Amino acid sequence: MHGYSGDKQAYLTRLRRIEGQIRGLQRMVEDDSYCIDVLTQISAATRALQAVALGLLEDHISHCVADAINSGGPEADAKVKEASAAIARLVRS
């Protein structure tokens, strides 16, 4: 079971809302909306995706990584490295 399983419905709801934002952005471009307005909406969608990513990362660390650490062994090291790599990807984006 994944760490986000308990919050799966909430994540899906948030992602559907973001999907709606993206469709709205497409309409804005199709309708030749003002550039700054489009950029503002892109920024909002980006922040929304980042919030989902941070929530998933927190769930992963508190569930998957914590379980692996409690079990010990090479799996624990692998999960910590995996989480570090995920954090690095988020920081770069």
PDB file of N, CA and C in Angstrom:
ATOM      1  N   MET A   1       0.847  -1.186   0.000  1.00  0.00           N
ATOM      2  CA  MET A   1       0.000   0.000   0.000  1.00  0.00           C
ATOM      3  C   MET A   1       0.888   1.243   0.000  1.00  0.00           C
ATOM      4  N   HIS A   2       0.502   2.233  -0.792  1.00  0.00           N
ATOM      5  CA  HIS A   2       1.268   3.465  -0.902  1.00  0.00           C
ATOM      6  C   HIS A   2       0.948   4.398   0.258  1.00  0.00           C
ATOM      7  N   GLY A   3       1.890   5.277   0.576  1.00  0.00           N
ATOM      8  CA  GLY A   3       1.717   6.214   1.675  1.00  0.00           C
ATOM      9  C   GLY A   3       0.552   7.170   1.492  1.00  0.00           C
ATOM     10  N   TYR A   4       0.177   7.437   0.259  1.00  0.00           N
ATOM     11  CA  TYR A   4      -0.909   8.390   0.000  1.00  0.00           C
ATOM     12  C   TYR A   4      -2.280   7.730  -0.040  1.00  0.00           C
ATOM     13  N   SER A   5      -2.345   6.422   0.154  1.00  0.00           N
ATOM     14  CA  SER A   5      -3.616   5.693   0.004  1.00  0.00           C
ATOM     15  C   SER A   5      -4.740   6.276   0.847  1.00  0.00           C
ATOM     16  N   GLY A   6      -4.420   6.698   2.055  1.00  0.00           N
ATOM     17  CA  GLY A   6      -5.448   7.263   2.923  1.00  0.00           C
ATOM     18  C   GLY A   6      -6.005   8.578   2.417  1.00  0.00           C
ATOM     19  N   ASP A   7      -5.193   9.302   1.653  1.00  0.00           N
ATOM     20  CA  ASP A   7      -5.599  10.607   1.124  1.00  0.00           C
ATOM     21  C   ASP A   7      -5.844  10.571  -0.377  1.00  0.00           C
ATOM     22  N   LYS A   8      -5.983   9.383  -0.923  1.00  0.00           N
ATOM     23  CA  LYS A   8      -6.085   9.225  -2.372  1.00  0.00           C
ATOM     24  C   LYS A   8      -7.204  10.074  -2.970  1.00  0.00           C
ATOM     25  N   GLN A   9      -8.367  10.053  -2.364  1.00  0.00           N
ATOM     26  CA  GLN A   9      -9.500  10.808  -2.906  1.00  0.00           C
ATOM     27  C   GLN A   9      -9.229  12.308  -2.885  1.00  0.00           C
ATOM     28  N   ALA A  10      -8.602  12.782  -1.817  1.00  0.00           N
ATOM     29  CA  ALA A  10      -8.267  14.210  -1.739  1.00  0.00           C
ATOM     30  C   ALA A  10      -7.268  14.591  -2.829  1.00  0.00           C
ATOM     31  N   TYR A  11      -6.280  13.731  -3.063  1.00  0.00           N
ATOM     32  CA  TYR A  11      -5.313  14.009  -4.133  1.00  0.00           C
ATOM     33  C   TYR A  11      -5.995  14.021  -5.492  1.00  0.00           C
ATOM     34  N   LEU A  12      -6.867  13.063  -5.729  1.00  0.00           N
ATOM     35  CA  LEU A  12      -7.575  13.017  -7.006  1.00  0.00           C
ATOM     36  C   LEU A  12      -8.426  14.261  -7.204  1.00  0.00           C
ATOM     37  N   THR A  13      -9.086  14.710  -6.148  1.00  0.00           N
ATOM     38  CA  THR A  13      -9.906  15.919  -6.224  1.00  0.00           C
ATOM     39  C   THR A  13      -9.042  17.127  -6.580  1.00  0.00           C
ATOM     40  N   ARG A  14      -7.884  17.243  -5.912  1.00  0.00           N
ATOM     41  CA  ARG A  14      -6.991  18.364  -6.188  1.00  0.00           C
ATOM     42  C   ARG A  14      -6.464  18.306  -7.618  1.00  0.00           C
ATOM     43  N   LEU A  15      -6.111  17.109  -8.071  1.00  0.00           N
ATOM     44  CA  LEU A  15      -5.591  16.971  -9.434  1.00  0.00           C
ATOM     45  C   LEU A  15      -6.656  17.280 -10.481  1.00  0.00           C
ATOM     46  N   ARG A  16      -7.895  16.919 -10.198  1.00  0.00           N
ATOM     47  CA  ARG A  16      -8.984  17.266 -11.131  1.00  0.00           C
ATOM     48  C   ARG A  16      -9.181  18.780 -11.186  1.00  0.00           C
ATOM     49  N   ARG A  17      -9.036  19.424 -10.047  1.00  0.00           N
ATOM     50  CA  ARG A  17      -9.160  20.882 -10.015  1.00  0.00           C
ATOM     51  C   ARG A  17      -8.028  21.513 -10.836  1.00  0.00           C
ATOM     52  N   ILE A  18      -6.831  20.983 -10.702  1.00  0.00           N
ATOM     53  CA  ILE A  18      -5.694  21.483 -11.480  1.00  0.00           C
ATOM     54  C   ILE A  18      -5.924  21.228 -12.962  1.00  0.00           C
ATOM     55  N   GLU A  19      -6.474  20.070 -13.285  1.00  0.00           N
ATOM     56  CA  GLU A  19      -6.804  19.765 -14.677  1.00  0.00           C
ATOM     57  C   GLU A  19      -7.754  20.819 -15.238  1.00  0.00           C
ATOM     58  N   GLY A  20      -8.718  21.229 -14.428  1.00  0.00           N
ATOM     59  CA  GLY A  20      -9.638  22.292 -14.839  1.00  0.00           C
ATOM     60  C   GLY A  20      -8.914  23.612 -15.052  1.00  0.00           C
ATOM     61  N   GLN A  21      -7.935  23.888 -14.181  1.00  0.00           N
ATOM     62  CA  GLN A  21      -7.141  25.106 -14.358  1.00  0.00           C
ATOM     63  C   GLN A  21      -6.395  25.071 -15.693  1.00  0.00           C
ATOM     64  N   ILE A  22      -5.846  23.919 -16.028  1.00  0.00           N
ATOM     65  CA  ILE A  22      -5.094  23.790 -17.281  1.00  0.00           C
ATOM     66  C   ILE A  22      -6.024  23.980 -18.476  1.00  0.00           C
ATOM     67  N   ARG A  23      -7.223  23.394 -18.403  1.00  0.00           N
ATOM     68  CA  ARG A  23      -8.189  23.610 -19.492  1.00  0.00           C
ATOM     69  C   ARG A  23      -8.549  25.094 -19.601  1.00  0.00           C
ATOM     70  N   GLY A  24      -8.666  25.755 -18.455  1.00  0.00           N
ATOM     71  CA  GLY A  24      -8.923  27.193 -18.452  1.00  0.00           C
ATOM     72  C   GLY A  24      -7.797  27.971 -19.111  1.00  0.00           C
ATOM     73  N   LEU A  25      -6.568  27.533 -18.865  1.00  0.00           N
ATOM     74  CA  LEU A  25      -5.421  28.170 -19.516  1.00  0.00           C
ATOM     75  C   LEU A  25      -5.480  28.002 -21.028  1.00  0.00           C
ATOM     76  N   GLN A  26      -5.852  26.808 -21.469  1.00  0.00           N
ATOM     77  CA  GLN A  26      -5.980  26.580 -22.909  1.00  0.00           C
ATOM     78  C   GLN A  26      -7.013  27.530 -23.502  1.00  0.00           C
ATOM     79  N   ARG A  27      -8.136  27.685 -22.815  1.00  0.00           N
ATOM     80  CA  ARG A  27      -9.182  28.600 -23.313  1.00  0.00           C
ATOM     81  C   ARG A  27      -8.671  30.041 -23.340  1.00  0.00           C
ATOM     82  N   MET A  28      -7.903  30.410 -22.299  1.00  0.00           N
ATOM     83  CA  MET A  28      -7.376  31.769 -22.262  1.00  0.00           C
ATOM     84  C   MET A  28      -6.480  32.041 -23.470  1.00  0.00           C
ATOM     85  N   VAL A  29      -5.639  31.077 -23.816  1.00  0.00           N
ATOM     86  CA  VAL A  29      -4.755  31.253 -24.966  1.00  0.00           C
ATOM     87  C   VAL A  29      -5.576  31.272 -26.251  1.00  0.00           C
ATOM     88  N   GLU A  30      -6.542  30.361 -26.362  1.00  0.00           N
ATOM     89  CA  GLU A  30      -7.408  30.345 -27.550  1.00  0.00           C
ATOM     90  C   GLU A  30      -8.140  31.666 -27.719  1.00  0.00           C
ATOM     91  N   ASP A  31      -8.528  32.271 -26.598  1.00  0.00           N
ATOM     92  CA  ASP A  31      -9.285  33.524 -26.627  1.00  0.00           C
ATOM     93  C   ASP A  31      -8.384  34.763 -26.663  1.00  0.00           C
ATOM     94  N   ASP A  32      -7.075  34.551 -26.805  1.00  0.00           N
ATOM     95  CA  ASP A  32      -6.109  35.653 -26.846  1.00  0.00           C
ATOM     96  C   ASP A  32      -6.192  36.545 -25.608  1.00  0.00           C
ATOM     97  N   SER A  33      -6.263  35.924 -24.450  1.00  0.00           N
ATOM     98  CA  SER A  33      -6.287  36.685 -23.193  1.00  0.00           C
ATOM     99  C   SER A  33      -4.971  37.423 -22.990  1.00  0.00           C
ATOM    100  N   TYR A  34      -5.018  38.415 -22.147  1.00  0.00           N
ATOM    101  CA  TYR A  34      -3.851  39.240 -21.839  1.00  0.00           C
ATOM    102  C   TYR A  34      -2.739  38.362 -21.255  1.00  0.00           C
ATOM    103  N   CYS A  35      -1.523  38.570 -21.730  1.00  0.00           N
ATOM    104  CA  CYS A  35      -0.372  37.723 -21.358  1.00  0.00           C
ATOM    105  C   CYS A  35      -0.190  37.611 -19.847  1.00  0.00           C
ATOM    106  N   ILE A  36      -0.277  38.715 -19.154  1.00  0.00           N
ATOM    107  CA  ILE A  36      -0.057  38.706 -17.704  1.00  0.00           C
ATOM    108  C   ILE A  36      -1.133  37.881 -17.004  1.00  0.00           C
ATOM    109  N   ASP A  37      -2.348  37.922 -17.495  1.00  0.00           N
ATOM    110  CA  ASP A  37      -3.411  37.111 -16.911  1.00  0.00           C
ATOM    111  C   ASP A  37      -3.131  35.624 -17.094  1.00  0.00           C
ATOM    112  N   VAL A  38      -2.632  35.260 -18.276  1.00  0.00           N
ATOM    113  CA  VAL A  38      -2.278  33.863 -18.537  1.00  0.00           C
ATOM    114  C   VAL A  38      -1.137  33.448 -17.619  1.00  0.00           C
ATOM    115  N   LEU A  39      -0.119  34.284 -17.513  1.00  0.00           N
ATOM    116  CA  LEU A  39       1.020  33.973 -16.649  1.00  0.00           C
ATOM    117  C   LEU A  39       0.603  33.837 -15.185  1.00  0.00           C
ATOM    118  N   THR A  40      -0.319  34.657 -14.752  1.00  0.00           N
ATOM    119  CA  THR A  40      -0.820  34.564 -13.377  1.00  0.00           C
ATOM    120  C   THR A  40      -1.492  33.218 -13.139  1.00  0.00           C
ATOM    121  N   GLN A  41      -2.271  32.780 -14.108  1.00  0.00           N
ATOM    122  CA  GLN A  41      -2.951  31.482 -13.967  1.00  0.00           C
ATOM    123  C   GLN A  41      -1.958  30.318 -14.056  1.00  0.00           C
ATOM    124  N   ILE A  42      -0.928  30.459 -14.860  1.00  0.00           N
ATOM    125  CA  ILE A  42       0.116  29.428 -14.923  1.00  0.00           C
ATOM    126  C   ILE A  42       0.811  29.325 -13.569  1.00  0.00           C
ATOM    127  N   SER A  43       1.078  30.452 -12.975  1.00  0.00           N
ATOM    128  CA  SER A  43       1.715  30.466 -11.659  1.00  0.00           C
ATOM    129  C   SER A  43       0.829  29.779 -10.616  1.00  0.00           C
ATOM    130  N   ALA A  44      -0.464  30.026 -10.669  1.00  0.00           N
ATOM    131  CA  ALA A  44      -1.393  29.391  -9.731  1.00  0.00           C
ATOM    132  C   ALA A  44      -1.434  27.878  -9.933  1.00  0.00           C
ATOM    133  N   ALA A  45      -1.445  27.438 -11.185  1.00  0.00           N
ATOM    134  CA  ALA A  45      -1.458  26.003 -11.471  1.00  0.00           C
ATOM    135  C   ALA A  45      -0.155  25.351 -11.016  1.00  0.00           C
ATOM    136  N   THR A  46       0.941  26.033 -11.217  1.00  0.00           N
ATOM    137  CA  THR A  46       2.247  25.520 -10.788  1.00  0.00           C
ATOM    138  C   THR A  46       2.283  25.357  -9.273  1.00  0.00           C
ATOM    139  N   ARG A  47       1.803  26.363  -8.550  1.00  0.00           N
ATOM    140  CA  ARG A  47       1.767  26.276  -7.076  1.00  0.00           C
ATOM    141  C   ARG A  47       0.865  25.143  -6.617  1.00  0.00           C
ATOM    142  N   ALA A  48      -0.240  24.944  -7.307  1.00  0.00           N
ATOM    143  CA  ALA A  48      -1.156  23.856  -6.948  1.00  0.00           C
ATOM    144  C   ALA A  48      -0.481  22.499  -7.145  1.00  0.00           C
ATOM    145  N   LEU A  49       0.232  22.325  -8.250  1.00  0.00           N
ATOM    146  CA  LEU A  49       0.961  21.077  -8.487  1.00  0.00           C
ATOM    147  C   LEU A  49       2.067  20.880  -7.455  1.00  0.00           C
ATOM    148  N   GLN A  50       2.742  21.960  -7.105  1.00  0.00           N
ATOM    149  CA  GLN A  50       3.784  21.862  -6.091  1.00  0.00           C
ATOM    150  C   GLN A  50       3.202  21.442  -4.743  1.00  0.00           C
ATOM    151  N   ALA A  51       2.026  21.939  -4.408  1.00  0.00           N
ATOM    152  CA  ALA A  51       1.383  21.553  -3.154  1.00  0.00           C
ATOM    153  C   ALA A  51       1.052  20.063  -3.145  1.00  0.00           C
ATOM    154  N   VAL A  52       0.572  19.547  -4.269  1.00  0.00           N
ATOM    155  CA  VAL A  52       0.294  18.116  -4.378  1.00  0.00           C
ATOM    156  C   VAL A  52       1.595  17.331  -4.229  1.00  0.00           C
ATOM    157  N   ALA A  53       2.637  17.781  -4.908  1.00  0.00           N
ATOM    158  CA  ALA A  53       3.930  17.094  -4.839  1.00  0.00           C
ATOM    159  C   ALA A  53       4.469  17.068  -3.414  1.00  0.00           C
ATOM    160  N   LEU A  54       4.373  18.175  -2.709  1.00  0.00           N
ATOM    161  CA  LEU A  54       4.862  18.220  -1.331  1.00  0.00           C
ATOM    162  C   LEU A  54       4.046  17.305  -0.423  1.00  0.00           C
ATOM    163  N   GLY A  55       2.756  17.254  -0.642  1.00  0.00           N
ATOM    164  CA  GLY A  55       1.912  16.352   0.141  1.00  0.00           C
ATOM    165  C   GLY A  55       2.275  14.896  -0.101  1.00  0.00           C
ATOM    166  N   LEU A  56       2.482  14.537  -1.376  1.00  0.00           N
ATOM    167  CA  LEU A  56       2.881  13.170  -1.707  1.00  0.00           C
ATOM    168  C   LEU A  56       4.249  12.840  -1.114  1.00  0.00           C
ATOM    169  N   LEU A  57       5.157  13.788  -1.160  1.00  0.00           N
ATOM    170  CA  LEU A  57       6.485  13.578  -0.587  1.00  0.00           C
ATOM    171  C   LEU A  57       6.393  13.364   0.922  1.00  0.00           C
ATOM    172  N   GLU A  58       5.601  14.175   1.573  1.00  0.00           N
ATOM    173  CA  GLU A  58       5.410  14.017   3.026  1.00  0.00           C
ATOM    174  C   GLU A  58       4.815  12.644   3.346  1.00  0.00           C
ATOM    175  N   ASP A  59       3.813  12.232   2.586  1.00  0.00           N
ATOM    176  CA  ASP A  59       3.219  10.908   2.792  1.00  0.00           C
ATOM    177  C   ASP A  59       4.241   9.805   2.564  1.00  0.00           C
ATOM    178  N   HIS A  60       5.064   9.967   1.530  1.00  0.00           N
ATOM    179  CA  HIS A  60       6.083   8.961   1.220  1.00  0.00           C
ATOM    180  C   HIS A  60       7.093   8.839   2.368  1.00  0.00           C
ATOM    181  N   ILE A  61       7.533   9.977   2.857  1.00  0.00           N
ATOM    182  CA  ILE A  61       8.524   9.952   3.938  1.00  0.00           C
ATOM    183  C   ILE A  61       7.921   9.383   5.211  1.00  0.00           C
ATOM    184  N   SER A  62       6.717   9.801   5.547  1.00  0.00           N
ATOM    185  CA  SER A  62       6.125   9.344   6.805  1.00  0.00           C
ATOM    186  C   SER A  62       5.658   7.898   6.758  1.00  0.00           C
ATOM    187  N   HIS A  63       5.455   7.353   5.576  1.00  0.00           N
ATOM    188  CA  HIS A  63       4.978   5.977   5.467  1.00  0.00           C
ATOM    189  C   HIS A  63       6.078   5.058   4.938  1.00  0.00           C
ATOM    190  N   CYS A  64       6.426   5.215   3.688  1.00  0.00           N
ATOM    191  CA  CYS A  64       7.357   4.295   3.021  1.00  0.00           C
ATOM    192  C   CYS A  64       8.764   4.373   3.601  1.00  0.00           C
ATOM    193  N   VAL A  65       9.280   5.584   3.736  1.00  0.00           N
ATOM    194  CA  VAL A  65      10.641   5.738   4.250  1.00  0.00           C
ATOM    195  C   VAL A  65      10.699   5.337   5.720  1.00  0.00           C
ATOM    196  N   ALA A  66       9.730   5.779   6.498  1.00  0.00           N
ATOM    197  CA  ALA A  66       9.721   5.430   7.928  1.00  0.00           C
ATOM    198  C   ALA A  66       9.630   3.923   8.129  1.00  0.00           C
ATOM    199  N   ASP A  67       8.786   3.255   7.355  1.00  0.00           N
ATOM    200  CA  ASP A  67       8.680   1.789   7.461  1.00  0.00           C
ATOM    201  C   ASP A  67       9.993   1.112   7.099  1.00  0.00           C
ATOM    202  N   ALA A  68      10.641   1.591   6.052  1.00  0.00           N
ATOM    203  CA  ALA A  68      11.912   1.002   5.628  1.00  0.00           C
ATOM    204  C   ALA A  68      12.990   1.213   6.699  1.00  0.00           C
ATOM    205  N   ILE A  69      13.008   2.394   7.304  1.00  0.00           N
ATOM    206  CA  ILE A  69      13.992   2.671   8.350  1.00  0.00           C
ATOM    207  C   ILE A  69      13.746   1.771   9.554  1.00  0.00           C
ATOM    208  N   ASN A  70      12.481   1.600   9.914  1.00  0.00           N
ATOM    209  CA  ASN A  70      12.162   0.715  11.044  1.00  0.00           C
ATOM    210  C   ASN A  70      12.576  -0.724  10.762  1.00  0.00           C
ATOM    211  N   SER A  71      12.493  -1.147   9.496  1.00  0.00           N
ATOM    212  CA  SER A  71      12.896  -2.499   9.126  1.00  0.00           C
ATOM    213  C   SER A  71      14.414  -2.620   9.044  1.00  0.00           C
ATOM    214  N   GLY A  72      15.076  -1.519   8.724  1.00  0.00           N
ATOM    215  CA  GLY A  72      16.532  -1.506   8.630  1.00  0.00           C
ATOM    216  C   GLY A  72      17.040  -2.152   7.363  1.00  0.00           C
ATOM    217  N   GLY A  73      18.338  -2.336   7.305  1.00  0.00           N
ATOM    218  CA  GLY A  73      18.962  -3.002   6.179  1.00  0.00           C
ATOM    219  C   GLY A  73      19.131  -2.114   4.972  1.00  0.00           C
ATOM    220  N   PRO A  74      19.488  -2.723   3.852  1.00  0.00           N
ATOM    221  CA  PRO A  74      19.758  -1.955   2.629  1.00  0.00           C
ATOM    222  C   PRO A  74      18.515  -1.251   2.074  1.00  0.00           C
ATOM    223  N   GLU A  75      17.337  -1.791   2.350  1.00  0.00           N
ATOM    224  CA  GLU A  75      16.111  -1.137   1.872  1.00  0.00           C
ATOM    225  C   GLU A  75      15.960   0.246   2.496  1.00  0.00           C
ATOM    226  N   ALA A  76      16.348   0.387   3.750  1.00  0.00           N
ATOM    227  CA  ALA A  76      16.264   1.684   4.431  1.00  0.00           C
ATOM    228  C   ALA A  76      17.141   2.705   3.719  1.00  0.00           C
ATOM    229  N   ASP A  77      18.371   2.322   3.423  1.00  0.00           N
ATOM    230  CA  ASP A  77      19.274   3.235   2.714  1.00  0.00           C
ATOM    231  C   ASP A  77      18.726   3.597   1.342  1.00  0.00           C
ATOM    232  N   ALA A  78      18.184   2.615   0.654  1.00  0.00           N
ATOM    233  CA  ALA A  78      17.629   2.857  -0.682  1.00  0.00           C
ATOM    234  C   ALA A  78      16.452   3.829  -0.622  1.00  0.00           C
ATOM    235  N   LYS A  79      15.572   3.675   0.363  1.00  0.00           N
ATOM    236  CA  LYS A  79      14.409   4.569   0.478  1.00  0.00           C
ATOM    237  C   LYS A  79      14.833   5.992   0.819  1.00  0.00           C
ATOM    238  N   VAL A  80      15.840   6.140   1.664  1.00  0.00           N
ATOM    239  CA  VAL A  80      16.330   7.480   2.000  1.00  0.00           C
ATOM    240  C   VAL A  80      16.931   8.133   0.762  1.00  0.00           C
ATOM    241  N   LYS A  81      17.725   7.390  -0.002  1.00  0.00           N
ATOM    242  CA  LYS A  81      18.310   7.931  -1.238  1.00  0.00           C
ATOM    243  C   LYS A  81      17.214   8.290  -2.240  1.00  0.00           C
ATOM    244  N   GLU A  82      16.204   7.438  -2.336  1.00  0.00           N
ATOM    245  CA  GLU A  82      15.083   7.698  -3.238  1.00  0.00           C
ATOM    246  C   GLU A  82      14.363   8.991  -2.855  1.00  0.00           C
ATOM    247  N   ALA A  83      14.124   9.182  -1.552  1.00  0.00           N
ATOM    248  CA  ALA A  83      13.459  10.399  -1.077  1.00  0.00           C
ATOM    249  C   ALA A  83      14.332  11.617  -1.332  1.00  0.00           C
ATOM    250  N   SER A  84      15.637  11.484  -1.118  1.00  0.00           N
ATOM    251  CA  SER A  84      16.551  12.603  -1.380  1.00  0.00           C
ATOM    252  C   SER A  84      16.533  12.995  -2.852  1.00  0.00           C
ATOM    253  N   ALA A  85      16.503  12.003  -3.725  1.00  0.00           N
ATOM    254  CA  ALA A  85      16.449  12.280  -5.160  1.00  0.00           C
ATOM    255  C   ALA A  85      15.139  12.974  -5.531  1.00  0.00           C
ATOM    256  N   ALA A  86      14.047  12.553  -4.913  1.00  0.00           N
ATOM    257  CA  ALA A  86      12.744  13.186  -5.186  1.00  0.00           C
ATOM    258  C   ALA A  86      12.760  14.636  -4.725  1.00  0.00           C
ATOM    259  N   ILE A  87      13.345  14.891  -3.564  1.00  0.00           N
ATOM    260  CA  ILE A  87      13.448  16.262  -3.066  1.00  0.00           C
ATOM    261  C   ILE A  87      14.291  17.109  -4.014  1.00  0.00           C
ATOM    262  N   ALA A  88      15.401  16.534  -4.483  1.00  0.00           N
ATOM    263  CA  ALA A  88      16.261  17.263  -5.429  1.00  0.00           C
ATOM    264  C   ALA A  88      15.500  17.620  -6.705  1.00  0.00           C
ATOM    265  N   ARG A  89      14.681  16.691  -7.200  1.00  0.00           N
ATOM    266  CA  ARG A  89      13.894  16.980  -8.410  1.00  0.00           C
ATOM    267  C   ARG A  89      12.900  18.105  -8.155  1.00  0.00           C
ATOM    268  N   LEU A  90      12.290  18.100  -6.988  1.00  0.00           N
ATOM    269  CA  LEU A  90      11.321  19.160  -6.676  1.00  0.00           C
ATOM    270  C   LEU A  90      11.997  20.512  -6.539  1.00  0.00           C
ATOM    271  N   VAL A  91      13.169  20.512  -5.953  1.00  0.00           N
ATOM    272  CA  VAL A  91      13.897  21.774  -5.767  1.00  0.00           C
ATOM    273  C   VAL A  91      14.336  22.349  -7.110  1.00  0.00           C
ATOM    274  N   ARG A  92      14.726  21.485  -8.038  1.00  0.00           N
ATOM    275  CA  ARG A  92      15.158  21.941  -9.361  1.00  0.00           C
ATOM    276  C   ARG A  92      13.999  22.464 -10.202  1.00  0.00           C
ATOM    277  N   SER A  93      12.805  21.998  -9.936  1.00  0.00           N
ATOM    278  CA  SER A  93      11.685  22.391 -10.805  1.00  0.00           C
ATOM    279  C   SER A  93      11.103  23.722 -10.425  1.00  0.00           C
TER     280      SER A  93
END
